[in-house]
Amino acid sequence: MTEEKDESIHIEDDDATAASKEGVVRWVLLISLLAAILILSVIWIAGALFSAG
C-alpha cells in the first residue's frame, strides 16, 4: 500500500521490491557454470584424443 503522510510517500517493502527472491539467479548461474565446465572439458578431451593419433 502507498500512503501519503506529511507530503511524503511511504511504500511498503513488498510493493517497492521488484526483484525475485526465490534464488532463481543463483540456480541459473550454477547451471551455466556447470554446463560451461562440461562443454569445455569435452572439447579439451576430444582434442587431446584426436591429436594423439
N, C-alpha and C. Protein backbone atom coordinates (compact mmCIF):
# COMPACT_ATOMS: atom_id res chain seq x y z
N MET A 1 0.83 -1.19 0.00
CA MET A 1 0.00 0.00 0.00
C MET A 1 0.86 1.24 0.00
N THR A 2 0.37 2.22 -0.65
CA THR A 2 1.05 3.51 -0.67
C THR A 2 0.27 4.48 0.20
N GLU A 3 0.98 5.15 1.06
CA GLU A 3 0.35 6.13 1.93
C GLU A 3 1.03 7.48 1.74
N GLU A 4 0.22 8.51 1.74
CA GLU A 4 0.77 9.85 1.70
C GLU A 4 0.59 10.47 3.07
N LYS A 5 1.72 10.83 3.67
CA LYS A 5 1.68 11.37 5.02
C LYS A 5 2.67 12.54 5.08
N ASP A 6 2.22 13.67 5.44
CA ASP A 6 3.07 14.87 5.58
C ASP A 6 3.85 15.16 4.30
N GLU A 7 3.17 15.10 3.15
CA GLU A 7 3.74 15.39 1.83
C GLU A 7 4.88 14.43 1.44
N SER A 8 4.97 13.27 2.08
CA SER A 8 5.95 12.27 1.67
C SER A 8 5.21 10.97 1.39
N ILE A 9 5.73 10.20 0.47
CA ILE A 9 5.08 8.96 0.07
C ILE A 9 5.79 7.80 0.75
N HIS A 10 5.03 6.95 1.39
CA HIS A 10 5.57 5.77 2.05
C HIS A 10 5.05 4.53 1.32
N ILE A 11 5.97 3.66 0.89
CA ILE A 11 5.61 2.46 0.16
C ILE A 11 6.10 1.25 0.95
N GLU A 12 5.26 0.24 1.04
CA GLU A 12 5.63 -0.99 1.72
C GLU A 12 6.80 -1.66 0.99
N ASP A 13 7.61 -2.42 1.72
CA ASP A 13 8.78 -3.08 1.14
C ASP A 13 8.40 -4.04 0.02
N ASP A 14 7.35 -4.80 0.21
CA ASP A 14 6.93 -5.77 -0.81
C ASP A 14 6.49 -5.09 -2.09
N ASP A 15 5.87 -3.95 -1.97
CA ASP A 15 5.42 -3.22 -3.15
C ASP A 15 6.59 -2.56 -3.87
N ALA A 16 7.59 -2.14 -3.15
CA ALA A 16 8.71 -1.42 -3.75
C ALA A 16 9.74 -2.36 -4.37
N THR A 17 9.78 -3.60 -3.92
CA THR A 17 10.77 -4.55 -4.42
C THR A 17 10.24 -5.26 -5.65
N ALA A 18 10.94 -5.10 -6.76
CA ALA A 18 10.54 -5.75 -7.99
C ALA A 18 11.39 -6.99 -8.26
N ALA A 19 12.34 -7.26 -7.39
CA ALA A 19 13.27 -8.38 -7.60
C ALA A 19 12.63 -9.70 -7.21
N SER A 20 13.14 -10.74 -7.81
CA SER A 20 12.72 -12.10 -7.46
C SER A 20 13.51 -12.55 -6.25
N LYS A 21 12.83 -13.16 -5.29
CA LYS A 21 13.50 -13.56 -4.06
C LYS A 21 13.60 -15.08 -3.93
N GLU A 22 13.38 -15.82 -5.01
CA GLU A 22 13.38 -17.27 -4.93
C GLU A 22 14.77 -17.87 -5.14
N GLY A 23 15.76 -17.08 -5.45
CA GLY A 23 17.09 -17.61 -5.70
C GLY A 23 17.25 -18.16 -7.11
N VAL A 24 16.43 -17.69 -8.03
CA VAL A 24 16.47 -18.18 -9.41
C VAL A 24 17.81 -17.85 -10.06
N VAL A 25 18.31 -16.67 -9.81
CA VAL A 25 19.57 -16.25 -10.42
C VAL A 25 20.70 -17.16 -9.98
N ARG A 26 20.70 -17.57 -8.72
CA ARG A 26 21.74 -18.47 -8.21
C ARG A 26 21.73 -19.79 -8.97
N TRP A 27 20.53 -20.34 -9.23
CA TRP A 27 20.42 -21.60 -9.97
C TRP A 27 20.85 -21.44 -11.41
N VAL A 28 20.48 -20.33 -12.04
CA VAL A 28 20.87 -20.10 -13.44
C VAL A 28 22.39 -20.00 -13.53
N LEU A 29 23.02 -19.29 -12.62
CA LEU A 29 24.48 -19.18 -12.64
C LEU A 29 25.15 -20.52 -12.39
N LEU A 30 24.63 -21.31 -11.46
CA LEU A 30 25.21 -22.61 -11.16
C LEU A 30 25.10 -23.55 -12.36
N ILE A 31 23.93 -23.62 -12.96
CA ILE A 31 23.74 -24.49 -14.13
C ILE A 31 24.60 -24.03 -15.29
N SER A 32 24.70 -22.73 -15.51
CA SER A 32 25.53 -22.21 -16.59
C SER A 32 27.01 -22.52 -16.37
N LEU A 33 27.46 -22.39 -15.13
CA LEU A 33 28.86 -22.70 -14.81
C LEU A 33 29.15 -24.18 -15.05
N LEU A 34 28.28 -25.05 -14.58
CA LEU A 34 28.47 -26.48 -14.78
C LEU A 34 28.43 -26.86 -16.26
N ALA A 35 27.53 -26.25 -17.02
CA ALA A 35 27.45 -26.52 -18.46
C ALA A 35 28.72 -26.06 -19.17
N ALA A 36 29.24 -24.89 -18.80
CA ALA A 36 30.46 -24.38 -19.42
C ALA A 36 31.65 -25.30 -19.11
N ILE A 37 31.75 -25.76 -17.88
CA ILE A 37 32.84 -26.67 -17.49
C ILE A 37 32.72 -27.98 -18.27
N LEU A 38 31.52 -28.52 -18.38
CA LEU A 38 31.31 -29.77 -19.10
C LEU A 38 31.64 -29.63 -20.58
N ILE A 39 31.16 -28.58 -21.21
CA ILE A 39 31.40 -28.38 -22.64
C ILE A 39 32.89 -28.16 -22.93
N LEU A 40 33.55 -27.34 -22.14
CA LEU A 40 34.97 -27.10 -22.35
C LEU A 40 35.80 -28.36 -22.07
N SER A 41 35.38 -29.15 -21.11
CA SER A 41 36.09 -30.41 -20.83
C SER A 41 35.95 -31.38 -21.99
N VAL A 42 34.75 -31.48 -22.55
CA VAL A 42 34.54 -32.36 -23.71
C VAL A 42 35.38 -31.91 -24.89
N ILE A 43 35.43 -30.62 -25.15
CA ILE A 43 36.24 -30.10 -26.25
C ILE A 43 37.72 -30.39 -26.01
N TRP A 44 38.18 -30.18 -24.81
CA TRP A 44 39.59 -30.40 -24.47
C TRP A 44 39.96 -31.88 -24.58
N ILE A 45 39.12 -32.75 -24.02
CA ILE A 45 39.40 -34.20 -24.06
C ILE A 45 39.31 -34.72 -25.51
N ALA A 46 38.33 -34.29 -26.25
CA ALA A 46 38.21 -34.74 -27.66
C ALA A 46 39.41 -34.26 -28.46
N GLY A 47 39.85 -33.05 -28.25
CA GLY A 47 41.02 -32.55 -28.97
C GLY A 47 42.28 -33.32 -28.62
N ALA A 48 42.42 -33.69 -27.36
CA ALA A 48 43.59 -34.46 -26.93
C ALA A 48 43.55 -35.87 -27.52
N LEU A 49 42.39 -36.48 -27.61
CA LEU A 49 42.29 -37.83 -28.15
C LEU A 49 42.56 -37.86 -29.66
N PHE A 50 42.03 -36.89 -30.38
CA PHE A 50 42.19 -36.89 -31.84
C PHE A 50 43.56 -36.41 -32.28
N SER A 51 44.24 -35.60 -31.48
CA SER A 51 45.57 -35.14 -31.87
C SER A 51 46.66 -36.16 -31.53
N ALA A 52 46.38 -37.07 -30.61
CA ALA A 52 47.36 -38.07 -30.21
C ALA A 52 47.51 -39.17 -31.26
N GLY A 53 46.50 -39.38 -32.09
CA GLY A 53 46.53 -40.49 -33.04
C GLY A 53 47.11 -40.10 -34.31
